Protein backbone atom coordinates (compact mmCIF):
# COMPACT_ATOMS: atom_id res chain seq x y z
CA LEU A 1 -7.87 -23.79 13.84
CA THR A 2 -8.99 -26.74 11.76
CA PRO A 3 -8.66 -26.14 8.01
CA ARG A 4 -11.97 -25.67 6.22
CA PHE A 5 -11.49 -25.98 2.51
CA ALA A 6 -14.24 -24.66 0.26
CA PRO A 7 -16.10 -26.98 -2.09
CA THR A 8 -14.99 -27.13 -5.69
CA PRO A 9 -15.59 -23.86 -7.57
CA ARG A 10 -16.89 -25.64 -10.67
CA PRO A 11 -20.67 -25.42 -9.97
CA VAL A 12 -20.55 -21.68 -9.29
CA CYS A 13 -18.18 -21.04 -12.18
CA ARG A 14 -20.36 -23.10 -14.52
CA TYR A 15 -23.46 -21.13 -13.51
CA LEU A 16 -21.79 -17.74 -13.88
CA CYS A 17 -20.36 -18.69 -17.26
CA ALA A 18 -23.75 -20.00 -18.39
CA VAL A 19 -25.60 -16.76 -17.62
CA THR A 20 -22.90 -14.46 -18.99
CA GLY A 21 -21.45 -16.50 -21.84
CA PHE A 22 -23.55 -15.34 -24.79
CA TYR A 23 -23.86 -11.85 -26.20
CA SER A 24 -25.61 -10.58 -29.28
CA SER A 25 -22.63 -8.56 -30.43
CA ARG A 26 -18.90 -9.11 -30.45
CA ARG A 27 -16.91 -7.75 -27.54
CA GLU A 28 -13.25 -7.47 -26.77
CA GLY A 29 -11.82 -10.77 -25.53
CA MET A 30 -14.61 -12.86 -27.06
CA GLY A 31 -14.64 -15.30 -29.93
CA LYS A 32 -15.91 -14.73 -33.43
CA GLU A 33 -19.44 -15.81 -32.52
CA GLY A 34 -19.68 -13.38 -29.61
CA LYS A 35 -19.17 -16.11 -27.02
CA LEU A 36 -17.23 -15.66 -23.82
CA ASP A 37 -14.15 -17.88 -23.54
CA LEU A 38 -15.55 -20.26 -20.92
CA GLU A 39 -12.25 -21.78 -19.91
CA ASP A 40 -10.72 -18.34 -19.45
CA ALA A 41 -13.77 -17.26 -17.43
CA LYS A 42 -13.57 -20.32 -15.19
CA GLU A 43 -9.87 -19.71 -14.60
CA TYR A 44 -10.54 -16.07 -13.66
CA LEU A 45 -13.38 -16.94 -11.27
CA ALA A 46 -11.35 -19.68 -9.62
CA GLU A 47 -8.21 -17.55 -9.30
CA HIS A 48 -10.07 -14.80 -7.47
CA LYS A 49 -12.06 -17.22 -5.28
CA ILE A 50 -15.39 -15.83 -6.51
CA HIS A 51 -17.10 -19.14 -5.71
CA VAL A 52 -16.30 -18.70 -2.01
CA VAL A 53 -17.92 -15.26 -1.95
CA PHE A 54 -21.05 -16.52 -3.73
CA GLU A 55 -21.36 -19.53 -1.44
CA LYS A 56 -20.99 -17.36 1.65
CA LEU A 57 -23.37 -14.71 0.30
CA ALA A 58 -26.00 -17.30 -0.64
CA GLY A 59 -25.72 -18.91 2.79
CA ASP A 60 -26.20 -15.58 4.57
CA LEU A 61 -29.10 -14.68 2.29
CA LEU A 62 -30.97 -17.93 2.95
CA LYS A 63 -30.27 -17.73 6.66
CA GLU A 64 -31.59 -14.18 7.08
CA ARG A 65 -34.22 -14.16 4.28
CA PRO A 66 -34.48 -10.34 4.20
CA GLN A 67 -37.40 -8.49 2.62
CA ARG A 68 -34.98 -6.56 0.41
CA PRO A 69 -32.51 -9.19 -0.76
CA ILE A 70 -30.59 -6.97 -3.20
CA THR A 71 -29.93 -4.32 -0.55
CA PHE A 72 -28.98 -7.05 1.89
CA MET A 73 -26.47 -8.55 -0.55
CA ILE A 74 -24.92 -5.15 -1.31
CA ASN A 75 -24.49 -4.38 2.38
CA THR A 76 -23.16 -7.87 3.06
CA LEU A 77 -20.54 -7.52 0.32
CA LYS A 78 -19.48 -4.21 1.85
CA ALA A 79 -19.10 -5.99 5.20
CA TYR A 80 -16.96 -8.67 3.56
CA SER A 81 -14.71 -5.95 2.15
CA GLY A 82 -14.38 -4.34 5.57
CA ALA A 83 -13.22 -7.63 7.03
CA GLU A 84 -10.04 -7.69 5.01
CA THR A 85 -7.63 -6.45 7.68
CA VAL A 86 -4.58 -8.71 7.61
CA VAL A 87 -1.37 -8.51 9.61
CA VAL A 88 1.63 -10.66 8.67
CA VAL A 89 3.93 -11.69 11.51
CA LEU A 90 7.56 -12.45 10.66
CA GLY A 91 10.55 -13.35 12.79
CA ILE A 92 13.54 -15.62 13.14
CA PRO A 93 12.73 -19.15 14.40
CA GLY A 94 12.60 -18.95 18.18
CA ALA A 95 11.67 -15.27 18.27
CA GLY A 96 8.49 -16.23 20.14
CA LYS A 97 5.87 -15.46 17.49
CA SER A 98 3.39 -18.18 18.47
CA GLU A 99 3.71 -17.44 22.18
CA VAL A 100 3.17 -13.72 21.70
CA LEU A 101 0.15 -14.25 19.43
CA LYS A 102 -1.47 -16.71 21.83
CA GLY A 103 -0.74 -14.71 24.96
CA GLY A 104 -1.99 -11.29 23.96
CA LYS A 105 -5.07 -9.55 22.62
CA VAL A 106 -5.02 -11.15 19.17
CA LYS A 107 -8.46 -12.65 18.59
CA ARG A 108 -7.94 -14.32 15.23
CA CYS A 109 -4.82 -15.97 13.87
CA LEU A 110 -3.90 -18.57 11.27
CA ASP A 111 -0.68 -20.29 12.29
CA PHE A 112 0.67 -22.20 9.31
CA ASN A 113 3.32 -23.78 11.53
CA GLN A 114 0.65 -25.87 13.25
CA LYS A 115 0.53 -29.53 12.30
CA ALA A 116 -2.95 -29.14 10.83
CA LEU A 117 -1.78 -26.43 8.42
CA SER A 118 1.95 -26.92 7.95
CA GLY A 119 1.74 -29.48 5.15
CA ILE A 120 -0.80 -27.79 2.91
CA SER A 121 -0.06 -26.28 -0.49
CA ASP A 122 0.09 -22.56 -1.24
CA GLU A 123 -3.28 -22.81 -3.00
CA GLN A 124 -4.86 -24.43 0.05
CA ALA A 125 -3.29 -21.83 2.34
CA LEU A 126 -4.78 -19.02 0.27
CA GLU A 127 -8.15 -20.79 0.29
CA GLN A 128 -7.99 -21.05 4.07
CA ILE A 129 -7.12 -17.36 4.40
CA HIS A 130 -9.94 -16.35 2.07
CA GLN A 131 -12.55 -18.31 3.99
CA GLU A 132 -11.28 -16.95 7.28
CA LEU A 133 -11.58 -13.39 5.98
CA LEU A 134 -15.23 -13.97 5.16
CA SER A 135 -16.04 -15.61 8.47
CA ASP A 136 -15.70 -12.67 10.88
CA ALA A 137 -16.15 -9.14 9.57
CA GLY A 138 -14.22 -6.46 11.36
CA THR A 139 -11.74 -8.65 13.26
CA PRO A 140 -8.11 -8.37 12.08
CA LEU A 141 -6.57 -11.61 10.88
CA PHE A 142 -2.97 -12.37 11.84
CA LEU A 143 -0.90 -14.68 9.66
CA GLU A 144 2.10 -16.64 10.90
CA GLY A 145 4.08 -18.96 8.64
CA PHE A 146 2.53 -17.62 5.43
CA PRO A 147 3.77 -15.90 3.40
CA ARG A 148 7.41 -16.95 3.78
CA THR A 149 8.62 -15.91 0.33
CA ILE A 150 8.10 -13.02 -2.05
CA LYS A 151 6.33 -15.37 -4.44
CA GLN A 152 3.80 -16.30 -1.75
CA ALA A 153 3.39 -12.63 -0.82
CA LEU A 154 2.50 -11.76 -4.41
CA GLU A 155 -0.08 -14.54 -4.46
CA LEU A 156 -1.53 -13.26 -1.18
CA GLU A 157 -1.85 -9.77 -2.62
CA LYS A 158 -4.20 -11.12 -5.29
CA LEU A 159 -6.48 -11.86 -2.37
CA VAL A 160 -5.72 -9.11 0.14
CA THR A 161 -2.99 -6.56 0.83
CA PRO A 162 -1.62 -6.72 4.39
CA GLU A 163 -2.34 -3.72 6.56
CA ALA A 164 0.94 -4.18 8.43
CA VAL A 165 3.85 -6.54 8.95
CA ILE A 166 5.10 -7.09 12.49
CA HIS A 167 8.74 -8.18 12.65
CA LEU A 168 9.40 -9.86 15.98
CA THR A 169 13.16 -9.85 16.53
CA ALA A 170 15.46 -11.69 18.93
CA SER A 171 19.16 -12.40 19.13
CA PRO A 172 20.28 -15.78 17.72
CA SER A 173 21.42 -16.88 21.20
CA ASP A 174 18.04 -16.06 22.76
CA ALA A 175 16.25 -17.79 19.89
CA GLU A 176 18.41 -20.91 20.28
CA GLN A 177 17.61 -21.10 23.98
CA ARG A 178 13.88 -20.83 23.31
CA LEU A 179 14.02 -23.53 20.65
CA PHE A 180 16.00 -25.92 22.86
CA LYS A 181 13.62 -25.29 25.75
CA ARG A 182 10.58 -25.79 23.51
CA SER A 183 12.07 -29.02 22.18
CA GLN A 184 12.36 -30.45 25.70
CA PHE A 185 8.60 -30.26 26.14
CA SER A 186 7.71 -31.34 22.61
CA ASP A 187 6.30 -34.77 21.74
CA SER A 188 8.09 -34.69 18.37
CA ASP A 189 10.12 -37.74 17.35
CA THR A 190 12.78 -35.41 15.94
CA PRO A 191 13.65 -32.82 18.60
CA ASP A 192 15.66 -29.77 17.64
CA THR A 193 19.43 -30.02 17.58
CA LEU A 194 22.01 -27.32 17.02
CA ASP A 195 22.24 -28.41 13.38
CA THR A 196 18.48 -28.22 12.77
CA ILE A 197 18.27 -24.86 14.52
CA GLN A 198 21.11 -23.46 12.41
CA ALA A 199 19.42 -24.84 9.29
CA GLY A 200 16.24 -23.00 10.28
CA PHE A 201 18.17 -19.76 10.71
CA LYS A 202 19.77 -20.23 7.28
CA ALA A 203 16.41 -20.89 5.62
CA TYR A 204 15.04 -17.74 7.25
CA GLN A 205 17.92 -15.68 5.88
CA GLN A 206 17.43 -17.07 2.39
CA LYS A 207 13.63 -16.80 2.14
CA CYS A 208 12.17 -14.51 4.78
CA VAL A 209 14.79 -11.76 4.86
CA PRO A 210 14.14 -10.89 1.17
CA LEU A 211 10.41 -10.93 2.01
CA LEU A 212 11.05 -8.58 4.92
CA GLU A 213 12.97 -6.24 2.63
CA TYR A 214 10.10 -6.37 0.14
CA TYR A 215 7.59 -5.31 2.79
CA SER A 216 10.02 -2.72 4.26
CA ALA A 217 10.28 -1.00 0.88
CA ARG A 218 6.50 -0.57 1.00
CA GLY A 219 6.55 0.93 4.48
CA LEU A 220 4.62 -1.91 6.10
CA VAL A 221 7.17 -3.25 8.60
CA HIS A 222 7.03 -2.47 12.33
CA GLN A 223 9.66 -3.83 14.71
CA VAL A 224 9.03 -5.47 18.07
CA ARG A 225 12.08 -6.79 19.91
CA ASN A 226 11.62 -9.80 22.17
CA THR A 227 14.45 -9.62 24.69
CA LYS A 228 12.43 -9.67 27.88
CA THR A 229 9.98 -11.97 29.65
CA LEU A 230 6.98 -13.33 27.75
CA PRO A 231 4.46 -10.99 29.46
CA GLU A 232 6.64 -8.00 28.55
CA ALA A 233 7.01 -9.20 24.96
CA VAL A 234 3.24 -9.73 24.69
CA ALA A 235 2.60 -6.22 26.05
CA ALA A 236 5.06 -4.70 23.56
CA PHE A 237 3.44 -6.62 20.71
CA ASP A 238 -0.08 -5.54 21.72
CA ASP A 239 1.04 -1.92 22.04
CA LYS A 240 2.50 -2.00 18.54
CA ILE A 241 -0.70 -3.50 17.11
CA ALA A 242 -2.78 -0.78 18.79
CA GLU A 243 -0.44 1.78 17.27
CA VAL A 244 -0.52 0.58 13.67
CA LEU A 245 -4.15 -0.60 13.27
């Protein structure tokens, strides 16, 4: 998927602050003159990606032009909420995550290991996820490569709480073989070596294992072991998804 970053939130934030920024009486969190703290309001709206929702809602409204716009907007917002089914896919490098996701019944996936997405910031990744959630109501969204750390997971939860976490496992020897084989057919200028593969395993242990423990403590983790052929691994993955969603 090609990243689609939303326009700057400033116009929407400025409008919302303008129409809600003045009150006749003092309220909690407001200044002495009864004014809303505009900078604080802008920060809140931007943090929760409210501008994306308004832009999407306005676009749908103008496209459909319903006779009852308020009812339409309420129902559309409910549809947006129903679209927030997210599954995080974790696994040691070489476990076969990308192959399983591409080969099975998964209809929508953001792979942050792809070249188009691998270099973006956490903020841009969250923006991409948020837009994708709004784009296709009712279709689960699978995430690979984000989050990788507990910090990223906490940021994601400000946006959406994952429905499930699929942990695709494989033995280190099987994973090494897959990575070496994949490297042979890659056009990368820096193919995998034993040292780079071991470094990837070490990084996974340091960052992703604590994340896996975090999700396990919340009862979200479901195991799928990839020790067989790709079709068998895909079938096992699809069966687990059907079971947990």
